[in-house]
Amino acid sequence: MNDPYVSMQLFNLGITMEQPSITAPEDLTAEKTVELVKTSNDFAFDKFKKDFMSFMSEDPMMVPIMISCIAHDWVNINHKYSEEEFKAALF
């Protein structure tokens, strides 16, 4: 698809279709989830800029996917929440 706006809208639609089938852990409150999102995204953007910047020119649509994967891995490694549990809290 040549139109980046349409591509991003399709990507966002795909994300909303990924709603987890589990309930978020009780200790993942809205405040804690927001804190984890901010901290994990900071980590992911820093890592991306340092290690993966070359991908930006090859396929810009991969950038949000890579950031999300790196951020979810950070949450799992540092806070022991699976991607599914974290996604449930996000929804």
N, C-alpha and C. Protein backbone atom coordinates (compact mmCIF):
# COMPACT_ATOMS: atom_id res chain seq x y z
N MET A 1 0.85 -1.17 0.00
CA MET A 1 0.00 0.00 0.00
C MET A 1 0.90 1.22 0.00
N ASN A 2 0.68 2.13 -0.92
CA ASN A 2 1.54 3.30 -1.05
C ASN A 2 1.17 4.45 -0.13
N ASP A 3 -0.05 4.50 0.34
CA ASP A 3 -0.49 5.59 1.20
C ASP A 3 -0.13 5.26 2.65
N PRO A 4 0.83 6.00 3.26
CA PRO A 4 1.24 5.68 4.63
C PRO A 4 0.11 5.84 5.64
N TYR A 5 -0.81 6.76 5.41
CA TYR A 5 -1.93 6.94 6.33
C TYR A 5 -2.81 5.70 6.36
N VAL A 6 -3.12 5.17 5.19
CA VAL A 6 -3.95 3.96 5.11
C VAL A 6 -3.21 2.78 5.73
N SER A 7 -1.93 2.68 5.47
CA SER A 7 -1.14 1.59 6.05
C SER A 7 -1.16 1.65 7.57
N MET A 8 -1.00 2.84 8.13
CA MET A 8 -1.00 2.98 9.59
C MET A 8 -2.38 2.68 10.16
N GLN A 9 -3.42 3.08 9.48
CA GLN A 9 -4.77 2.78 9.96
C GLN A 9 -5.02 1.27 9.96
N LEU A 10 -4.55 0.58 8.93
CA LEU A 10 -4.69 -0.88 8.89
C LEU A 10 -3.89 -1.52 10.02
N PHE A 11 -2.70 -0.99 10.27
CA PHE A 11 -1.87 -1.50 11.37
C PHE A 11 -2.61 -1.31 12.71
N ASN A 12 -3.16 -0.11 12.94
CA ASN A 12 -3.88 0.16 14.18
C ASN A 12 -5.10 -0.73 14.33
N LEU A 13 -5.79 -1.00 13.23
CA LEU A 13 -6.94 -1.90 13.25
C LEU A 13 -6.50 -3.30 13.67
N GLY A 14 -5.37 -3.73 13.14
CA GLY A 14 -4.83 -5.04 13.51
C GLY A 14 -4.53 -5.14 15.00
N ILE A 15 -4.01 -4.05 15.58
CA ILE A 15 -3.71 -4.04 17.02
C ILE A 15 -4.98 -4.21 17.83
N THR A 16 -6.05 -3.52 17.45
CA THR A 16 -7.28 -3.62 18.23
C THR A 16 -7.89 -5.01 18.14
N MET A 17 -7.56 -5.74 17.09
CA MET A 17 -8.09 -7.10 16.95
C MET A 17 -7.30 -8.11 17.79
N GLU A 18 -6.21 -7.67 18.41
CA GLU A 18 -5.37 -8.54 19.21
C GLU A 18 -5.74 -8.52 20.69
N GLN A 19 -6.95 -8.08 21.03
CA GLN A 19 -7.31 -7.99 22.43
C GLN A 19 -7.17 -9.36 23.09
N PRO A 20 -6.42 -9.42 24.20
CA PRO A 20 -6.18 -10.70 24.87
C PRO A 20 -7.47 -11.32 25.41
N SER A 21 -7.42 -12.63 25.53
CA SER A 21 -8.58 -13.36 26.04
C SER A 21 -8.48 -13.59 27.54
N ILE A 22 -7.44 -13.05 28.18
CA ILE A 22 -7.26 -13.21 29.63
C ILE A 22 -7.54 -11.90 30.33
N THR A 23 -7.70 -11.97 31.64
CA THR A 23 -7.88 -10.78 32.46
C THR A 23 -6.52 -10.32 32.95
N ALA A 24 -6.35 -9.03 33.05
CA ALA A 24 -5.08 -8.47 33.53
C ALA A 24 -4.86 -8.85 34.99
N PRO A 25 -3.61 -9.08 35.37
CA PRO A 25 -3.32 -9.34 36.79
C PRO A 25 -3.80 -8.18 37.66
N GLU A 26 -4.30 -8.48 38.84
CA GLU A 26 -4.86 -7.44 39.71
C GLU A 26 -3.85 -6.37 40.08
N ASP A 27 -2.57 -6.77 40.20
CA ASP A 27 -1.57 -5.78 40.61
C ASP A 27 -1.13 -4.87 39.46
N LEU A 28 -1.59 -5.14 38.24
CA LEU A 28 -1.32 -4.24 37.12
C LEU A 28 -2.43 -3.21 37.05
N THR A 29 -2.37 -2.27 37.97
CA THR A 29 -3.36 -1.19 38.01
C THR A 29 -3.15 -0.26 36.81
N ALA A 30 -4.08 0.62 36.60
CA ALA A 30 -3.95 1.59 35.50
C ALA A 30 -2.68 2.42 35.68
N GLU A 31 -2.43 2.87 36.92
CA GLU A 31 -1.24 3.70 37.17
C GLU A 31 0.04 2.92 36.90
N LYS A 32 0.10 1.68 37.36
CA LYS A 32 1.31 0.87 37.16
C LYS A 32 1.48 0.56 35.67
N THR A 33 0.40 0.28 34.98
CA THR A 33 0.47 -0.01 33.55
C THR A 33 1.01 1.20 32.78
N VAL A 34 0.52 2.39 33.10
CA VAL A 34 1.01 3.60 32.44
C VAL A 34 2.49 3.80 32.73
N GLU A 35 2.90 3.57 33.98
CA GLU A 35 4.31 3.70 34.35
C GLU A 35 5.17 2.71 33.55
N LEU A 36 4.70 1.45 33.44
CA LEU A 36 5.45 0.45 32.68
C LEU A 36 5.51 0.79 31.20
N VAL A 37 4.43 1.30 30.65
CA VAL A 37 4.42 1.69 29.23
C VAL A 37 5.45 2.79 28.99
N LYS A 38 5.45 3.80 29.83
CA LYS A 38 6.39 4.91 29.65
C LYS A 38 7.83 4.43 29.77
N THR A 39 8.12 3.66 30.81
CA THR A 39 9.49 3.21 31.05
C THR A 39 9.94 2.22 29.98
N SER A 40 9.08 1.29 29.63
CA SER A 40 9.46 0.29 28.62
C SER A 40 9.62 0.94 27.24
N ASN A 41 8.79 1.92 26.92
CA ASN A 41 8.94 2.62 25.64
C ASN A 41 10.22 3.44 25.60
N ASP A 42 10.56 4.08 26.71
CA ASP A 42 11.84 4.81 26.76
C ASP A 42 13.00 3.87 26.48
N PHE A 43 12.98 2.71 27.13
CA PHE A 43 14.02 1.71 26.91
C PHE A 43 14.03 1.26 25.44
N ALA A 44 12.84 0.96 24.91
CA ALA A 44 12.74 0.44 23.54
C ALA A 44 13.22 1.47 22.52
N PHE A 45 12.83 2.74 22.68
CA PHE A 45 13.27 3.77 21.73
C PHE A 45 14.77 3.97 21.79
N ASP A 46 15.33 3.96 23.00
CA ASP A 46 16.79 4.09 23.13
C ASP A 46 17.50 2.93 22.45
N LYS A 47 17.03 1.71 22.70
CA LYS A 47 17.64 0.52 22.09
C LYS A 47 17.48 0.57 20.57
N PHE A 48 16.32 0.96 20.11
CA PHE A 48 16.07 1.05 18.67
C PHE A 48 17.03 2.05 18.02
N LYS A 49 17.15 3.23 18.62
CA LYS A 49 18.03 4.25 18.06
C LYS A 49 19.48 3.76 18.02
N LYS A 50 19.89 3.02 19.03
CA LYS A 50 21.26 2.56 19.12
C LYS A 50 21.53 1.37 18.21
N ASP A 51 20.59 0.42 18.12
CA ASP A 51 20.86 -0.85 17.46
C ASP A 51 20.13 -1.09 16.15
N PHE A 52 19.01 -0.40 15.90
CA PHE A 52 18.17 -0.77 14.77
C PHE A 52 17.79 0.38 13.84
N MET A 53 18.44 1.51 13.95
CA MET A 53 18.06 2.69 13.16
C MET A 53 18.09 2.41 11.65
N SER A 54 18.95 1.52 11.21
CA SER A 54 19.05 1.23 9.77
C SER A 54 17.76 0.65 9.21
N PHE A 55 16.93 0.02 10.03
CA PHE A 55 15.68 -0.55 9.56
C PHE A 55 14.67 0.52 9.15
N MET A 56 14.83 1.71 9.68
CA MET A 56 13.89 2.80 9.40
C MET A 56 13.73 3.03 7.91
N SER A 57 14.83 3.05 7.18
CA SER A 57 14.74 3.33 5.75
C SER A 57 14.27 2.11 4.95
N GLU A 58 14.53 0.91 5.45
CA GLU A 58 14.14 -0.29 4.72
C GLU A 58 12.63 -0.54 4.77
N ASP A 59 12.05 -0.42 5.95
CA ASP A 59 10.62 -0.68 6.09
C ASP A 59 10.08 0.09 7.30
N PRO A 60 9.64 1.33 7.09
CA PRO A 60 9.18 2.15 8.21
C PRO A 60 8.03 1.54 9.01
N MET A 61 7.24 0.67 8.39
CA MET A 61 6.10 0.07 9.10
C MET A 61 6.57 -0.95 10.14
N MET A 62 7.82 -1.39 10.05
CA MET A 62 8.35 -2.32 11.04
C MET A 62 8.74 -1.62 12.34
N VAL A 63 8.91 -0.31 12.30
CA VAL A 63 9.36 0.42 13.47
C VAL A 63 8.41 0.24 14.65
N PRO A 64 7.10 0.48 14.51
CA PRO A 64 6.21 0.31 15.68
C PRO A 64 6.21 -1.13 16.20
N ILE A 65 6.34 -2.08 15.30
CA ILE A 65 6.35 -3.49 15.71
C ILE A 65 7.60 -3.78 16.53
N MET A 66 8.74 -3.30 16.06
CA MET A 66 10.00 -3.51 16.78
C MET A 66 9.97 -2.84 18.14
N ILE A 67 9.49 -1.61 18.20
CA ILE A 67 9.42 -0.89 19.48
C ILE A 67 8.52 -1.66 20.44
N SER A 68 7.38 -2.12 19.96
CA SER A 68 6.46 -2.88 20.81
C SER A 68 7.10 -4.16 21.33
N CYS A 69 7.77 -4.88 20.46
CA CYS A 69 8.41 -6.14 20.88
C CYS A 69 9.49 -5.89 21.92
N ILE A 70 10.32 -4.90 21.68
CA ILE A 70 11.39 -4.58 22.63
C ILE A 70 10.80 -4.16 23.98
N ALA A 71 9.76 -3.34 23.93
CA ALA A 71 9.12 -2.86 25.17
C ALA A 71 8.48 -4.01 25.94
N HIS A 72 7.79 -4.90 25.23
CA HIS A 72 7.15 -6.05 25.91
C HIS A 72 8.19 -6.98 26.51
N ASP A 73 9.30 -7.17 25.81
CA ASP A 73 10.38 -7.99 26.36
C ASP A 73 10.93 -7.36 27.64
N TRP A 74 11.08 -6.04 27.65
CA TRP A 74 11.59 -5.34 28.83
C TRP A 74 10.65 -5.56 30.02
N VAL A 75 9.35 -5.44 29.79
CA VAL A 75 8.37 -5.64 30.87
C VAL A 75 8.47 -7.07 31.39
N ASN A 76 8.59 -8.03 30.48
CA ASN A 76 8.67 -9.43 30.90
C ASN A 76 9.95 -9.69 31.70
N ILE A 77 11.08 -9.21 31.21
CA ILE A 77 12.36 -9.46 31.88
C ILE A 77 12.43 -8.76 33.24
N ASN A 78 11.97 -7.53 33.31
CA ASN A 78 12.13 -6.73 34.52
C ASN A 78 10.97 -6.82 35.51
N HIS A 79 9.78 -7.21 35.03
CA HIS A 79 8.61 -7.23 35.92
C HIS A 79 7.84 -8.54 35.89
N LYS A 80 8.29 -9.48 35.08
CA LYS A 80 7.75 -10.85 35.02
C LYS A 80 6.29 -10.93 34.60
N TYR A 81 5.81 -9.93 33.83
CA TYR A 81 4.47 -10.02 33.23
C TYR A 81 4.63 -10.51 31.81
N SER A 82 3.85 -11.50 31.44
CA SER A 82 3.90 -11.98 30.06
C SER A 82 3.32 -10.91 29.13
N GLU A 83 3.59 -11.06 27.85
CA GLU A 83 3.04 -10.12 26.88
C GLU A 83 1.52 -10.12 26.93
N GLU A 84 0.94 -11.30 27.08
CA GLU A 84 -0.53 -11.42 27.14
C GLU A 84 -1.09 -10.70 28.38
N GLU A 85 -0.44 -10.85 29.54
CA GLU A 85 -0.89 -10.17 30.74
C GLU A 85 -0.77 -8.65 30.59
N PHE A 86 0.34 -8.22 30.03
CA PHE A 86 0.55 -6.78 29.84
C PHE A 86 -0.46 -6.21 28.86
N LYS A 87 -0.70 -6.93 27.76
CA LYS A 87 -1.71 -6.47 26.78
C LYS A 87 -3.08 -6.39 27.42
N ALA A 88 -3.41 -7.36 28.26
CA ALA A 88 -4.73 -7.33 28.94
C ALA A 88 -4.85 -6.08 29.78
N ALA A 89 -3.77 -5.70 30.48
CA ALA A 89 -3.80 -4.47 31.28
C ALA A 89 -3.93 -3.23 30.40
N LEU A 90 -3.31 -3.25 29.22
CA LEU A 90 -3.41 -2.13 28.30
C LEU A 90 -4.84 -1.94 27.79
N PHE A 91 -5.53 -3.06 27.56
CA PHE A 91 -6.90 -2.97 27.06
C PHE A 91 -7.84 -2.59 28.18
